[in-house]
């Protein structure tokens, strides 16, 4: 089963890289997808593998957006504390 799964690795990495535009994040997403799929110990199709990688990639993107928004709010709050006169 592992050999069959790993035969799709190149395709899945390309998919993740296209969705994320980040090589390292794509590798992490594919790794997480493989771990989840292997834990299920069932049969799988290429479409199922692609859907799993797509789901994990979208979850990663949502998480990054939340982190970026939280950091932006923290930076704005810090600027307002340090320079209150600049914000009226």
C-alpha atoms as a PDB file:
ATOM      1  CA  UNK A   1       0.000   0.000   0.000  1.00  0.00           C
ATOM      2  CA  UNK A   2       2.805   2.441   0.849  1.00  0.00           C
ATOM      3  CA  UNK A   3       4.476   1.897  -2.513  1.00  0.00           C
ATOM      4  CA  UNK A   4       1.221   2.636  -4.317  1.00  0.00           C
ATOM      5  CA  UNK A   5       0.686   5.742  -2.217  1.00  0.00           C
ATOM      6  CA  UNK A   6       4.224   7.020  -2.779  1.00  0.00           C
ATOM      7  CA  UNK A   7       3.874   6.502  -6.521  1.00  0.00           C
ATOM      8  CA  UNK A   8       1.510   9.522  -6.416  1.00  0.00           C
ATOM      9  CA  UNK A   9       3.901  11.706  -4.404  1.00  0.00           C
ATOM     10  CA  UNK A  10       5.121  13.809  -7.345  1.00  0.00           C
ATOM     11  CA  UNK A  11       1.601  14.601  -8.502  1.00  0.00           C
ATOM     12  CA  UNK A  12       0.472  15.464  -4.966  1.00  0.00           C
ATOM     13  CA  UNK A  13       3.482  17.713  -4.339  1.00  0.00           C
ATOM     14  CA  UNK A  14       2.817  19.567  -7.594  1.00  0.00           C
ATOM     15  CA  UNK A  15      -0.812  20.030  -6.585  1.00  0.00           C
ATOM     16  CA  UNK A  16       0.103  21.324  -3.133  1.00  0.00           C
ATOM     17  CA  UNK A  17       2.771  23.660  -4.531  1.00  0.00           C
ATOM     18  CA  UNK A  18       0.320  25.078  -7.058  1.00  0.00           C
ATOM     19  CA  UNK A  19      -2.235  25.739  -4.315  1.00  0.00           C
ATOM     20  CA  UNK A  20       0.166  27.107  -1.706  1.00  0.00           C
ATOM     21  CA  UNK A  21       2.979  28.662  -3.747  1.00  0.00           C
ATOM     22  CA  UNK A  22       5.327  27.593  -0.939  1.00  0.00           C
ATOM     23  CA  UNK A  23       7.565  24.550  -1.436  1.00  0.00           C
ATOM     24  CA  UNK A  24       8.107  23.873   2.264  1.00  0.00           C
ATOM     25  CA  UNK A  25       4.450  24.239   3.198  1.00  0.00           C
ATOM     26  CA  UNK A  26       3.500  21.994   0.276  1.00  0.00           C
ATOM     27  CA  UNK A  27       5.855  19.276   1.497  1.00  0.00           C
ATOM     28  CA  UNK A  28       4.387  19.572   5.003  1.00  0.00           C
ATOM     29  CA  UNK A  29       0.839  19.317   3.645  1.00  0.00           C
ATOM     30  CA  UNK A  30       1.658  16.233   1.562  1.00  0.00           C
ATOM     31  CA  UNK A  31       3.393  14.645   4.544  1.00  0.00           C
ATOM     32  CA  UNK A  32       0.341  15.288   6.741  1.00  0.00           C
ATOM     33  CA  UNK A  33      -1.962  13.885   4.053  1.00  0.00           C
ATOM     34  CA  UNK A  34       0.164  10.727   3.741  1.00  0.00           C
ATOM     35  CA  UNK A  35       0.140  10.237   7.510  1.00  0.00           C
ATOM     36  CA  UNK A  36      -3.654  10.586   7.611  1.00  0.00           C
ATOM     37  CA  UNK A  37      -4.190   8.258   4.667  1.00  0.00           C
ATOM     38  CA  UNK A  38      -1.822   5.592   6.019  1.00  0.00           C
ATOM     39  CA  UNK A  39      -3.557   5.727   9.400  1.00  0.00           C
ATOM     40  CA  UNK A  40      -6.876   4.888   7.726  1.00  0.00           C
ATOM     41  CA  UNK A  41      -5.439   1.726   6.127  1.00  0.00           C
ATOM     42  CA  UNK A  42      -8.004   1.646   3.372  1.00  0.00           C
ATOM     43  CA  UNK A  43      -7.985   1.679  -0.389  1.00  0.00           C
ATOM     44  CA  UNK A  44      -7.669   5.036  -2.051  1.00  0.00           C
ATOM     45  CA  UNK A  45      -7.925   6.556  -5.501  1.00  0.00           C
ATOM     46  CA  UNK A  46      -5.869   9.341  -7.022  1.00  0.00           C
ATOM     47  CA  UNK A  47      -8.925  11.603  -6.737  1.00  0.00           C
ATOM     48  CA  UNK A  48      -9.212  10.809  -3.025  1.00  0.00           C
ATOM     49  CA  UNK A  49      -5.523  11.591  -2.517  1.00  0.00           C
ATOM     50  CA  UNK A  50      -5.877  14.879  -4.393  1.00  0.00           C
ATOM     51  CA  UNK A  51      -8.963  15.828  -2.368  1.00  0.00           C
ATOM     52  CA  UNK A  52      -7.119  15.097   0.881  1.00  0.00           C
ATOM     53  CA  UNK A  53      -4.141  17.248  -0.160  1.00  0.00           C
ATOM     54  CA  UNK A  54      -6.457  20.026  -1.376  1.00  0.00           C
ATOM     55  CA  UNK A  55      -8.346  19.986   1.940  1.00  0.00           C
ATOM     56  CA  UNK A  56      -5.131  20.163   3.955  1.00  0.00           C
ATOM     57  CA  UNK A  57      -3.736  22.942   1.735  1.00  0.00           C
ATOM     58  CA  UNK A  58      -6.875  25.049   2.147  1.00  0.00           C
ATOM     59  CA  UNK A  59      -6.784  24.475   5.891  1.00  0.00           C
ATOM     60  CA  UNK A  60      -3.144  25.650   5.920  1.00  0.00           C
ATOM     61  CA  UNK A  61      -4.046  28.782   3.903  1.00  0.00           C
ATOM     62  CA  UNK A  62      -6.910  29.649   6.272  1.00  0.00           C
ATOM     63  CA  UNK A  63      -4.609  29.228   9.232  1.00  0.00           C
ATOM     64  CA  UNK A  64      -1.967  31.512   7.679  1.00  0.00           C
ATOM     65  CA  UNK A  65      -4.613  34.176   7.008  1.00  0.00           C
ATOM     66  CA  UNK A  66      -5.776  34.054  10.624  1.00  0.00           C
ATOM     67  CA  UNK A  67      -2.187  34.356  11.874  1.00  0.00           C
ATOM     68  CA  UNK A  68      -1.496  37.299   9.542  1.00  0.00           C
ATOM     69  CA  UNK A  69      -4.681  39.085  10.637  1.00  0.00           C
ATOM     70  CA  UNK A  70      -3.870  38.527  14.310  1.00  0.00           C
ATOM     71  CA  UNK A  71      -0.331  39.843  13.812  1.00  0.00           C
ATOM     72  CA  UNK A  72      -1.638  42.912  11.947  1.00  0.00           C
ATOM     73  CA  UNK A  73      -4.084  43.683  14.760  1.00  0.00           C
ATOM     74  CA  UNK A  74      -1.307  43.313  17.339  1.00  0.00           C
ATOM     75  CA  UNK A  75       0.997  45.611  15.343  1.00  0.00           C
ATOM     76  CA  UNK A  76      -1.733  48.242  15.026  1.00  0.00           C
ATOM     77  CA  UNK A  77      -2.494  48.094  18.745  1.00  0.00           C
ATOM     78  CA  UNK A  78       1.224  48.439  19.536  1.00  0.00           C
ATOM     79  CA  UNK A  79       1.511  51.461  17.222  1.00  0.00           C
ATOM     80  CA  UNK A  80      -1.560  53.079  18.802  1.00  0.00           C
ATOM     81  CA  UNK A  81      -0.039  52.637  22.266  1.00  0.00           C
ATOM     82  CA  UNK A  82       3.367  53.944  21.252  1.00  0.00           C
ATOM     83  CA  UNK A  83       2.133  56.880  19.107  1.00  0.00           C
ATOM     84  CA  UNK A  84      -1.367  57.828  20.277  1.00  0.00           C
ATOM     85  CA  UNK A  85      -1.106  61.284  18.704  1.00  0.00           C
ATOM     86  CA  UNK A  86      -0.760  59.737  15.215  1.00  0.00           C
ATOM     87  CA  UNK A  87      -4.196  58.146  15.460  1.00  0.00           C
ATOM     88  CA  UNK A  88      -6.125  61.171  16.692  1.00  0.00           C
END
